[in-house]
């Protein structure tokens, strides 16, 4: 570590925090009162302009689990996650967002309660979302961020240092979520996003220049977009589970959709989502694969997601590496605090107020949820430190929850006369089915397994609805007779 790196890092980190404070001061929960209602704390009181929506969506997703782990694969093929994400954002903008706004939803799961007329399915799906955030995304983000900084600075990457850095990231990230609510999270996302996208593109250019823009000598399988059967993304999975993964992540996942639901109008929200789609199509694929491919030519096969840190340390001058460390530090923080804020929304709105009662202080209860989840996530960092590929581990594990959750939305939106209990059986059946598919049977790639799991979950819901509850379903497209919330 050099004093120049440290000075630039601290200056930029402080500047982002100060700019966020100046923008948010005097606005609702950002005053630090600890109070506020759900719309204020979790949806910024509907006050996010399209550019904050775009910035927050982009940086909430773009963190170390993309930059570090996707570059860590050192191949072009993983860019498909980003190309497919564009489709998911279009589905969010033009299919789901109008429905969320029409139903005046604070959480995505609130839509389920209004469609099924039952609060229990809302609570079940919220519980699954919380489990995914706690056991998968939060610890993965802490591990990925710590791994990058240690690799970039050439420090010992042992578990002790990983845990120490993870604690620092968790404490600062939780502070944003606790004291600022969604407004502070979204604003800091946007400021940080401009910085990290700019510097990540600089890394791409300097990486290519380091090899004289010559990719010769790199194995063809690392430069192809057509994956064979033994690759991480076989080409045929793009036709099955991939599109459903993207639909779930971008259209029903509270952490992402919460930003788009915080605009004053659906049209403003759609503008933000389309801007985020443009960034993901034109910029993100470059920054998440090119440095990793170049690192293969320079360093060979770098194990355990260490490629990005090595290439950044190699090509950036000291003062600029300090700036990049600050940018990525901000990216980790904003992704972490975004998930915490979404988790607090799910617990407060979908579980606590439904089964315990209204809270006098949304901010205080949200803070308790954030602290508890941060502590538990830290305990899971060692598990992710033992995995060979962070991005593949995260995607495979989240299949346990993503497709069953998506099935509840599909059944609720596409059909009428479906009992909530039938859909809940379908969700639980989907979790069990995917667990058996991916952990024991493994008859095909896990992405195919996700598509099959979705079909099984929907089918079980409709069969149980017919056989147990004697309900005859009808297609609900174009209908506006969903039951009121129970």
Protein backbone atom coordinates (compact mmCIF):
# COMPACT_ATOMS: atom_id res chain seq x y z
CA UNK A 1 0.00 0.00 0.00
CA UNK A 2 1.24 3.48 -0.90
CA UNK A 3 0.39 6.76 0.86
CA UNK A 4 -0.85 8.17 -2.46
CA UNK A 5 -3.29 5.28 -2.90
CA UNK A 6 -4.59 5.74 0.63
CA UNK A 7 -4.96 9.52 0.32
CA UNK A 8 -6.86 9.35 -2.98
CA UNK A 9 -9.02 6.51 -1.69
CA UNK A 10 -10.02 8.39 1.47
CA UNK A 11 -10.62 11.67 -0.37
CA UNK A 12 -12.96 10.14 -2.96
CA UNK A 13 -14.81 8.00 -0.41
CA UNK A 14 -15.41 11.08 1.76
CA UNK A 15 -16.48 13.15 -1.26
CA UNK A 16 -19.14 10.60 -2.26
CA UNK A 17 -20.47 10.48 1.29
CA UNK A 18 -20.55 14.29 1.54
CA UNK A 19 -22.25 14.72 -1.84
CA UNK A 20 -24.88 12.16 -0.83
CA UNK A 21 -25.50 13.94 2.47
CA UNK A 22 -25.83 17.34 0.79
CA UNK A 23 -28.37 16.01 -1.70
CA UNK A 24 -30.44 14.19 0.92
CA UNK A 25 -30.32 16.54 3.89
CA UNK A 26 -33.66 17.85 4.99
CA UNK A 27 -35.53 15.28 2.90
CA UNK A 28 -37.60 12.87 4.94
CA UNK A 29 -35.73 10.03 6.55
CA UNK A 30 -32.37 11.43 5.43
CA UNK A 31 -32.60 13.86 8.36
CA UNK A 32 -31.64 10.89 10.51
CA UNK A 33 -34.78 11.04 12.66
CA UNK A 34 -35.21 7.28 12.60
CA UNK A 35 -38.89 7.74 11.86
CA UNK A 36 -40.70 8.08 8.60
CA UNK A 37 -43.25 5.85 6.95
CA UNK A 38 -42.81 3.00 4.48
CA UNK A 39 -43.11 5.15 1.36
CA UNK A 40 -40.50 7.56 2.67
CA UNK A 41 -37.96 5.10 4.03
CA UNK A 42 -38.29 2.39 1.39
CA UNK A 43 -39.44 4.30 -1.72
CA UNK A 44 -37.87 7.76 -1.15
CA UNK A 45 -41.43 9.10 -1.03
CA UNK A 46 -41.71 8.57 -4.80
CA UNK A 47 -39.09 11.21 -5.45
CA UNK A 48 -36.40 9.50 -7.55
CA UNK A 49 -35.78 11.05 -10.97
CA UNK A 50 -35.05 8.69 -13.87
CA UNK A 51 -31.28 9.23 -13.69
CA UNK A 52 -31.18 8.16 -10.04
CA UNK A 53 -33.27 5.10 -10.93
CA UNK A 54 -30.81 4.21 -13.72
CA UNK A 55 -27.78 4.84 -11.55
CA UNK A 56 -29.09 2.90 -8.59
CA UNK A 57 -30.23 -0.10 -10.65
CA UNK A 58 -26.88 -0.20 -12.43
CA UNK A 59 -24.69 -0.03 -9.37
CA UNK A 60 -26.89 -2.18 -7.15
CA UNK A 61 -26.20 -5.02 -9.57
CA UNK A 62 -22.68 -3.99 -10.63
CA UNK A 63 -20.40 -4.83 -7.73
CA UNK A 64 -17.61 -7.25 -6.93
CA UNK A 65 -19.80 -10.26 -7.71
CA UNK A 66 -19.76 -8.98 -11.33
CA UNK A 67 -16.40 -7.24 -11.72
CA UNK A 68 -14.38 -9.67 -9.63
CA UNK A 69 -16.14 -12.96 -10.18
CA UNK A 70 -17.04 -12.59 -13.88
CA UNK A 71 -13.54 -11.41 -14.76
CA UNK A 72 -12.34 -14.23 -12.54
CA UNK A 73 -13.70 -16.72 -15.08
CA UNK A 74 -11.25 -15.24 -17.62
CA UNK A 75 -13.52 -15.94 -20.59
CA UNK A 76 -15.90 -14.10 -22.91
CA UNK A 77 -18.77 -16.53 -22.39
CA UNK A 78 -19.93 -15.02 -19.07
CA UNK A 79 -20.94 -11.83 -20.94
CA UNK A 80 -24.21 -13.64 -21.67
CA UNK A 81 -25.35 -12.86 -18.13
CA UNK A 82 -25.22 -9.17 -19.07
CA UNK A 83 -26.71 -9.46 -22.58
CA UNK A 84 -29.62 -11.47 -21.20
CA UNK A 85 -30.10 -8.89 -18.44
CA UNK A 86 -31.16 -6.35 -21.07
CA UNK A 87 -34.17 -8.54 -21.88
CA UNK A 88 -34.97 -8.76 -18.18
CA UNK A 89 -34.93 -4.96 -17.87
CA UNK A 90 -37.33 -4.60 -20.82
CA UNK A 91 -39.70 -7.05 -19.13
CA UNK A 92 -39.49 -5.02 -15.92
CA UNK A 93 -40.19 -1.74 -17.72
CA UNK A 94 -43.12 -2.77 -19.86
CA UNK A 95 -44.70 -5.78 -18.12
CA UNK A 96 -44.19 -5.53 -14.38
CA UNK A 97 -43.72 -1.83 -13.61
CA UNK A 98 -47.16 -0.77 -14.89
CA UNK A 99 -48.72 -3.43 -12.67
CA UNK A 100 -46.74 -2.38 -9.58
CA UNK A 101 -47.66 1.27 -10.05
CA UNK A 102 -51.31 0.49 -10.77
CA UNK A 103 -51.53 -1.47 -7.53
CA UNK A 104 -49.58 1.17 -5.54
CA UNK A 105 -47.10 -1.41 -4.21
CA UNK A 106 -44.35 -0.70 -1.68
CA UNK A 107 -42.87 -4.17 -2.09
CA UNK A 108 -43.08 -6.56 -5.02
CA UNK A 109 -44.65 -9.13 -2.74
CA UNK A 110 -47.51 -6.75 -1.92
CA UNK A 111 -48.71 -7.43 -5.46
CA UNK A 112 -49.10 -11.10 -4.57
CA UNK A 113 -51.32 -10.28 -1.61
CA UNK A 114 -53.53 -8.14 -3.80
CA UNK A 115 -53.75 -10.75 -6.56
CA UNK A 116 -54.38 -13.75 -4.33
CA UNK A 117 -56.28 -11.92 -1.58
CA UNK A 118 -54.10 -13.56 1.06
CA UNK A 119 -51.33 -12.14 3.26
CA UNK A 120 -49.68 -15.52 3.92
CA UNK A 121 -48.32 -15.97 0.40
CA UNK A 122 -46.85 -12.49 0.63
CA UNK A 123 -45.07 -13.45 3.85
CA UNK A 124 -43.82 -16.77 2.42
CA UNK A 125 -42.26 -15.14 -0.64
CA UNK A 126 -40.75 -12.40 1.53
CA UNK A 127 -39.22 -15.06 3.73
CA UNK A 128 -37.62 -16.71 0.69
CA UNK A 129 -36.29 -13.36 -0.52
CA UNK A 130 -34.83 -12.69 2.92
CA UNK A 131 -33.21 -16.12 2.97
CA UNK A 132 -31.59 -15.47 -0.39
CA UNK A 133 -30.32 -12.07 0.71
CA UNK A 134 -28.98 -13.41 3.99
CA UNK A 135 -27.45 -16.71 2.93
CA UNK A 136 -26.33 -15.86 -0.61
CA UNK A 137 -26.05 -12.23 -1.71
CA UNK A 138 -24.87 -10.37 1.39
CA UNK A 139 -21.98 -12.71 2.30
CA UNK A 140 -21.01 -13.05 -1.39
CA UNK A 141 -20.73 -9.27 -1.72
CA UNK A 142 -18.62 -8.96 1.43
CA UNK A 143 -16.32 -11.77 0.32
CA UNK A 144 -15.99 -10.49 -3.26
CA UNK A 145 -15.16 -6.95 -2.14
CA UNK A 146 -12.60 -8.07 0.41
CA UNK A 147 -11.04 -10.47 -2.08
CA UNK A 148 -10.57 -7.70 -4.65
CA UNK A 149 -8.94 -5.24 -2.27
CA UNK A 150 -6.52 -7.81 -0.88
CA UNK A 151 -5.59 -8.99 -4.37
CA UNK A 152 -5.19 -5.47 -5.75
CA UNK A 153 -3.02 -4.33 -2.85
CA UNK A 154 -0.91 -7.48 -2.84
CA UNK A 155 -1.86 -8.32 0.75
CA UNK A 156 -2.29 -11.71 2.35
CA UNK A 157 -5.64 -13.15 1.22
CA UNK A 158 -6.06 -15.38 4.25
CA UNK A 159 -9.37 -15.75 6.05
CA UNK A 160 -8.38 -13.38 8.85
CA UNK A 161 -7.84 -10.44 6.48
CA UNK A 162 -10.95 -11.35 4.48
CA UNK A 163 -13.05 -11.21 7.63
CA UNK A 164 -11.48 -7.95 8.82
CA UNK A 165 -12.24 -6.18 5.54
CA UNK A 166 -15.71 -7.73 5.46
CA UNK A 167 -16.48 -6.22 8.87
CA UNK A 168 -15.41 -2.77 7.67
CA UNK A 169 -17.56 -3.04 4.55
CA UNK A 170 -20.56 -4.30 6.53
CA UNK A 171 -20.40 -1.52 9.12
CA UNK A 172 -20.15 1.34 6.61
CA UNK A 173 -22.67 -0.20 4.21
CA UNK A 174 -25.20 -0.72 6.98
CA UNK A 175 -24.77 2.92 8.06
CA UNK A 176 -25.98 4.16 4.66
CA UNK A 177 -29.04 1.91 4.76
CA UNK A 178 -29.88 2.70 8.38
CA UNK A 179 -29.49 6.47 8.44
CA UNK A 180 -30.41 7.41 4.90
CA UNK A 181 -33.13 5.06 3.66
CA UNK A 182 -33.57 4.42 -0.06
CA UNK A 183 -32.97 8.04 -1.05
CA UNK A 184 -29.41 8.05 0.31
CA UNK A 185 -28.76 4.60 -1.14
CA UNK A 186 -29.93 5.61 -4.63
CA UNK A 187 -28.07 8.92 -4.66
CA UNK A 188 -24.79 7.37 -3.50
CA UNK A 189 -25.33 4.60 -6.08
CA UNK A 190 -25.52 7.15 -8.88
CA UNK A 191 -22.49 9.19 -7.86
CA UNK A 192 -20.46 6.05 -7.37
CA UNK A 193 -21.76 4.57 -10.63
CA UNK A 194 -20.46 7.40 -12.78
CA UNK A 195 -17.04 7.00 -11.17
CA UNK A 196 -16.78 3.22 -11.36
CA UNK A 197 -18.07 2.91 -14.94
CA UNK A 198 -15.57 5.52 -16.08
CA UNK A 199 -12.62 3.94 -14.29
CA UNK A 200 -13.64 0.41 -15.28
CA UNK A 201 -13.53 1.49 -18.93
CA UNK A 202 -10.06 2.94 -18.30
CA UNK A 203 -9.02 -0.48 -16.94
CA UNK A 204 -10.34 -2.11 -20.13
CA UNK A 205 -8.31 0.26 -22.33
CA UNK A 206 -5.12 -0.02 -20.27
CA UNK A 207 -5.45 -3.80 -20.11
CA UNK A 208 -5.68 -4.09 -23.88
CA UNK A 209 -2.82 -1.66 -24.30
CA UNK A 210 -0.69 -3.80 -21.98
CA UNK A 211 -0.88 -6.61 -24.57
CA UNK A 212 -0.74 -4.25 -27.57
CA UNK A 213 -4.40 -5.04 -28.31
CA UNK A 214 -3.28 -8.52 -29.37
CA UNK A 215 -5.39 -11.42 -28.09
CA UNK A 216 -3.43 -14.08 -29.96
CA UNK A 217 -2.27 -16.99 -27.89
CA UNK A 218 -5.45 -17.05 -25.79
CA UNK A 219 -7.30 -20.38 -26.20
CA UNK A 220 -10.29 -20.19 -28.53
CA UNK A 221 -12.65 -21.54 -25.86
CA UNK A 222 -11.96 -18.42 -23.80
CA UNK A 223 -12.90 -16.09 -26.65
CA UNK A 224 -16.15 -17.70 -27.79
CA UNK A 225 -19.74 -16.74 -27.08
CA UNK A 226 -20.96 -20.23 -27.97
CA UNK A 227 -20.55 -22.50 -24.96
CA UNK A 228 -20.31 -26.26 -25.39
CA UNK A 229 -21.97 -28.81 -23.12
CA UNK A 230 -19.12 -28.73 -20.61
CA UNK A 231 -18.93 -24.94 -20.29
CA UNK A 232 -20.40 -22.78 -17.52
CA UNK A 233 -23.10 -21.53 -19.93
CA UNK A 234 -23.89 -24.10 -22.64
CA UNK A 235 -25.49 -22.35 -25.63
CA UNK A 236 -28.78 -24.19 -25.25
CA UNK A 237 -29.33 -22.87 -21.70
CA UNK A 238 -29.86 -19.44 -23.28
CA UNK A 239 -33.09 -20.83 -24.72
CA UNK A 240 -34.44 -22.25 -21.46
CA UNK A 241 -33.62 -21.10 -17.94
CA UNK A 242 -31.61 -17.97 -18.73
CA UNK A 243 -34.59 -15.82 -19.69
CA UNK A 244 -36.49 -16.90 -16.56
CA UNK A 245 -33.50 -16.10 -14.35
CA UNK A 246 -33.42 -12.59 -15.79
CA UNK A 247 -37.18 -12.12 -15.47
CA UNK A 248 -37.04 -13.09 -11.83
CA UNK A 249 -34.01 -10.98 -10.96
CA UNK A 250 -34.98 -7.76 -12.68
CA UNK A 251 -38.78 -7.87 -12.38
CA UNK A 252 -39.65 -9.45 -9.03
CA UNK A 253 -36.53 -9.07 -6.89
CA UNK A 254 -37.24 -6.33 -4.33
CA UNK A 255 -33.64 -5.11 -4.28
CA UNK A 256 -33.82 -4.12 -7.96
CA UNK A 257 -37.46 -3.22 -8.53
CA UNK A 258 -37.59 -1.08 -5.39
CA UNK A 259 -35.56 1.57 -7.23
CA UNK A 260 -37.90 1.63 -10.20
CA UNK A 261 -40.94 1.78 -7.89
CA UNK A 262 -39.59 4.96 -6.24
CA UNK A 263 -40.24 7.37 -9.13
CA UNK A 264 -43.16 9.82 -9.17
CA UNK A 265 -44.68 8.17 -12.27
CA UNK A 266 -44.40 4.90 -14.13
CA UNK A 267 -43.14 6.77 -17.21
CA UNK A 268 -40.28 8.30 -15.23
CA UNK A 269 -39.44 4.88 -13.84
CA UNK A 270 -39.45 3.34 -17.34
CA UNK A 271 -37.02 6.00 -18.56
CA UNK A 272 -34.64 5.04 -15.76
CA UNK A 273 -34.93 1.33 -16.48
CA UNK A 274 -34.29 1.88 -20.21
CA UNK A 275 -31.22 3.96 -19.42
CA UNK A 276 -29.97 1.15 -17.18
CA UNK A 277 -30.59 -1.33 -20.03
CA UNK A 278 -28.51 0.81 -22.38
CA UNK A 279 -25.62 0.90 -19.91
CA UNK A 280 -25.83 -2.86 -19.45
CA UNK A 281 -25.78 -3.50 -23.19
CA UNK A 282 -23.04 -1.08 -24.23
CA UNK A 283 -20.69 -0.80 -21.25
CA UNK A 284 -21.05 -3.57 -18.69
CA UNK A 285 -20.12 -6.56 -20.92
CA UNK A 286 -16.79 -4.91 -21.74
CA UNK A 287 -15.79 -4.21 -18.17
CA UNK A 288 -16.74 -7.63 -16.79
CA UNK A 289 -14.91 -9.82 -19.33
CA UNK A 290 -12.09 -7.99 -21.13
CA UNK A 291 -9.75 -7.45 -18.14
CA UNK A 292 -10.16 -11.10 -17.14
CA UNK A 293 -9.29 -12.32 -20.65
CA UNK A 294 -6.24 -10.06 -20.77
CA UNK A 295 -5.14 -11.30 -17.34
CA UNK A 296 -5.12 -14.84 -18.75
CA UNK A 297 -2.59 -13.77 -21.37
CA UNK A 298 -0.47 -11.92 -18.81
CA UNK A 299 -0.68 -14.24 -15.79
CA UNK A 300 -2.20 -17.49 -16.99
CA UNK A 301 -5.05 -19.16 -15.13
CA UNK A 302 -5.50 -17.13 -11.93
CA UNK A 303 -7.33 -19.18 -9.27
CA UNK A 304 -10.23 -18.21 -7.01
CA UNK A 305 -11.42 -14.98 -8.64
CA UNK A 306 -8.07 -13.21 -8.26
CA UNK A 307 -7.66 -12.12 -11.90
CA UNK A 308 -9.32 -8.70 -11.69
CA UNK A 309 -7.34 -7.52 -8.70
CA UNK A 310 -4.08 -8.57 -10.38
CA UNK A 311 -4.81 -6.81 -13.66
CA UNK A 312 -5.93 -3.60 -11.94
CA UNK A 313 -2.76 -3.56 -9.85
CA UNK A 314 -0.71 -4.18 -13.00
CA UNK A 315 -2.10 -1.53 -15.36
CA UNK A 316 -3.23 1.39 -13.17
CA UNK A 317 -0.80 4.01 -11.82
CA UNK A 318 -0.75 4.38 -8.04
CA UNK A 319 -2.91 7.49 -7.81
CA UNK A 320 -5.49 6.05 -10.20
CA UNK A 321 -5.55 2.70 -8.40
CA UNK A 322 -6.49 4.61 -5.26
CA UNK A 323 -9.37 6.21 -7.13
CA UNK A 324 -10.48 2.84 -8.51
CA UNK A 325 -10.30 1.26 -5.06
CA UNK A 326 -12.57 4.05 -3.79
CA UNK A 327 -14.98 3.49 -6.67
CA UNK A 328 -15.18 -0.25 -6.10
CA UNK A 329 -15.42 0.30 -2.35
CA UNK A 330 -18.45 2.49 -3.06
CA UNK A 331 -19.89 -0.17 -5.38
CA UNK A 332 -19.62 -2.80 -2.68
CA UNK A 333 -21.19 -0.48 -0.12
CA UNK A 334 -24.09 0.51 -2.35
CA UNK A 335 -24.89 -3.06 -3.34
CA UNK A 336 -24.68 -4.16 0.28
CA UNK A 337 -26.82 -1.31 1.61
CA UNK A 338 -29.34 -1.71 -1.23
CA UNK A 339 -29.94 -5.32 -0.23
CA UNK A 340 -30.20 -4.33 3.44
CA UNK A 341 -32.77 -1.64 2.66
CA UNK A 342 -34.80 -4.05 0.51
CA UNK A 343 -34.60 -6.70 3.24
CA UNK A 344 -35.83 -4.24 5.84
CA UNK A 345 -38.74 -3.33 3.54
CA UNK A 346 -39.70 -6.98 3.13
CA UNK A 347 -39.61 -7.68 6.86
CA UNK A 348 -41.32 -4.48 8.04
CA UNK A 349 -44.07 -4.30 5.40
CA UNK A 350 -44.69 -7.97 4.67
CA UNK A 351 -44.11 -9.71 7.98
CA UNK A 352 -43.92 -7.43 11.01
CA UNK A 353 -46.89 -5.22 10.17
CA UNK A 354 -48.93 -8.20 8.96
CA UNK A 355 -48.42 -10.41 12.01
CA UNK A 356 -47.17 -8.15 14.83
CA UNK A 357 -48.70 -4.77 14.09
CA UNK A 358 -47.90 -1.28 12.88
CA UNK A 359 -44.58 0.08 14.05
CA UNK A 360 -44.17 3.60 15.40
CA UNK A 361 -40.71 3.91 13.89
CA UNK A 362 -40.07 2.32 10.51
CA UNK A 363 -36.49 3.58 10.52
CA UNK A 364 -35.67 2.08 13.91
CA UNK A 365 -37.13 -1.33 13.05
CA UNK A 366 -35.38 -1.24 9.67
CA UNK A 367 -32.11 -0.51 11.46
CA UNK A 368 -32.52 -3.56 13.70
CA UNK A 369 -33.17 -5.78 10.68
CA UNK A 370 -30.10 -4.35 8.92
CA UNK A 371 -27.80 -4.94 11.88
CA UNK A 372 -28.99 -8.52 12.42
CA UNK A 373 -28.61 -9.43 8.76
CA UNK A 374 -25.16 -7.84 8.56
CA UNK A 375 -23.88 -9.86 11.51
CA UNK A 376 -25.28 -13.12 10.18
CA UNK A 377 -23.89 -12.43 6.69
CA UNK A 378 -20.40 -11.96 8.13
CA UNK A 379 -20.59 -15.44 9.64
CA UNK A 380 -21.09 -16.91 6.14
CA UNK A 381 -18.09 -15.25 4.47
CA UNK A 382 -15.82 -18.29 5.12
CA UNK A 383 -18.16 -20.51 3.07
CA UNK A 384 -17.86 -18.30 -0.01
CA UNK A 385 -14.10 -18.05 0.49
CA UNK A 386 -13.95 -21.82 -0.07
CA UNK A 387 -15.73 -21.71 -3.47
CA UNK A 388 -13.90 -21.93 -6.78
CA UNK A 389 -16.12 -19.45 -8.67
CA UNK A 390 -18.25 -16.85 -6.90
CA UNK A 391 -20.60 -16.05 -9.80
CA UNK A 392 -21.41 -19.70 -10.53
CA UNK A 393 -21.95 -20.49 -6.85
CA UNK A 394 -24.31 -17.54 -6.39
CA UNK A 395 -26.37 -18.36 -9.48
CA UNK A 396 -26.63 -22.05 -8.68
CA UNK A 397 -27.64 -21.52 -5.06
CA UNK A 398 -30.21 -18.87 -5.89
CA UNK A 399 -32.00 -21.34 -8.14
CA UNK A 400 -33.41 -22.82 -4.95
CA UNK A 401 -35.51 -19.68 -4.51
CA UNK A 402 -35.72 -17.79 -7.79
CA UNK A 403 -37.88 -20.09 -9.91
CA UNK A 404 -40.31 -21.05 -7.12
CA UNK A 405 -40.77 -17.34 -6.34
CA UNK A 406 -41.28 -16.49 -10.02
CA UNK A 407 -43.93 -19.21 -10.25
CA UNK A 408 -46.06 -17.41 -7.63
CA UNK A 409 -45.94 -14.20 -9.69
CA UNK A 410 -46.72 -15.99 -12.97
CA UNK A 411 -49.68 -17.90 -11.52
CA UNK A 412 -51.00 -14.80 -9.74
CA UNK A 413 -50.77 -12.56 -12.80
CA UNK A 414 -51.71 -15.04 -15.54
CA UNK A 415 -54.64 -16.85 -13.92
CA UNK A 416 -57.78 -16.14 -11.92
CA UNK A 417 -59.43 -18.36 -9.32
CA UNK A 418 -56.18 -19.75 -7.89
CA UNK A 419 -56.07 -20.25 -4.13
CA UNK A 420 -53.04 -18.79 -2.40
CA UNK A 421 -52.49 -22.08 -0.58
CA UNK A 422 -52.23 -23.94 -3.89
CA UNK A 423 -49.60 -21.51 -5.14
CA UNK A 424 -47.72 -21.83 -1.85
CA UNK A 425 -47.60 -25.61 -2.28
CA UNK A 426 -46.22 -25.04 -5.77
CA UNK A 427 -43.51 -22.75 -4.39
CA UNK A 428 -42.41 -25.21 -1.71
CA UNK A 429 -42.48 -28.07 -4.23
CA UNK A 430 -40.25 -26.04 -6.55
CA UNK A 431 -37.66 -25.51 -3.81
CA UNK A 432 -37.55 -29.24 -3.09
CA UNK A 433 -37.45 -30.16 -6.79
CA UNK A 434 -34.56 -27.85 -7.61
CA UNK A 435 -32.62 -29.03 -4.56
CA UNK A 436 -32.95 -32.60 -5.78
CA UNK A 437 -32.06 -31.61 -9.36
CA UNK A 438 -28.95 -29.57 -8.60
CA UNK A 439 -27.55 -31.31 -5.52
CA UNK A 440 -28.28 -35.00 -6.09
CA UNK A 441 -29.71 -36.02 -9.46
CA UNK A 442 -27.91 -33.48 -11.71
CA UNK A 443 -29.43 -34.85 -14.95
CA UNK A 444 -28.57 -31.65 -16.87
CA UNK A 445 -27.11 -28.18 -16.41
CA UNK A 446 -28.49 -26.21 -13.46
CA UNK A 447 -29.84 -23.47 -15.79
CA UNK A 448 -31.98 -26.10 -17.54
CA UNK A 449 -32.97 -27.21 -14.06
CA UNK A 450 -34.28 -23.73 -13.34
CA UNK A 451 -36.59 -23.82 -16.35
CA UNK A 452 -37.90 -27.25 -15.39
CA UNK A 453 -38.35 -26.10 -11.79
CA UNK A 454 -40.50 -23.17 -12.92
CA UNK A 455 -42.71 -25.48 -14.98
CA UNK A 456 -43.04 -27.93 -12.08
CA UNK A 457 -43.93 -25.15 -9.62
CA UNK A 458 -46.62 -23.69 -11.86
CA UNK A 459 -48.02 -27.13 -12.71
CA UNK A 460 -48.20 -28.21 -9.06
CA UNK A 461 -49.99 -24.96 -8.17
CA UNK A 462 -52.65 -25.47 -10.82
CA UNK A 463 -53.09 -29.20 -10.10
CA UNK A 464 -53.48 -28.63 -6.35
CA UNK A 465 -55.88 -25.78 -7.07
CA UNK A 466 -58.05 -28.08 -9.19
CA UNK A 467 -57.86 -31.32 -7.19
CA UNK A 468 -57.82 -30.02 -3.62
CA UNK A 469 -59.73 -26.75 -3.88
CA UNK A 470 -61.93 -27.63 -6.87
CA UNK A 471 -61.20 -24.29 -8.52
CA UNK A 472 -61.39 -23.86 -12.30
CA UNK A 473 -58.76 -21.38 -13.46
CA UNK A 474 -59.17 -18.82 -16.21
CA UNK A 475 -56.57 -16.75 -18.02
CA UNK A 476 -56.45 -13.28 -16.50
CA UNK A 477 -54.86 -11.33 -19.33
CA UNK A 478 -56.69 -8.08 -19.77
CA UNK A 479 -58.83 -8.69 -16.68
CA UNK A 480 -58.97 -6.25 -13.79
CA UNK A 481 -60.87 -8.14 -11.15
CA UNK A 482 -58.11 -9.23 -8.79
CA UNK A 483 -59.33 -9.62 -5.19
CA UNK A 484 -58.51 -6.92 -2.69
CA UNK A 485 -55.80 -7.48 -0.12
CA UNK A 486 -56.85 -9.54 2.84
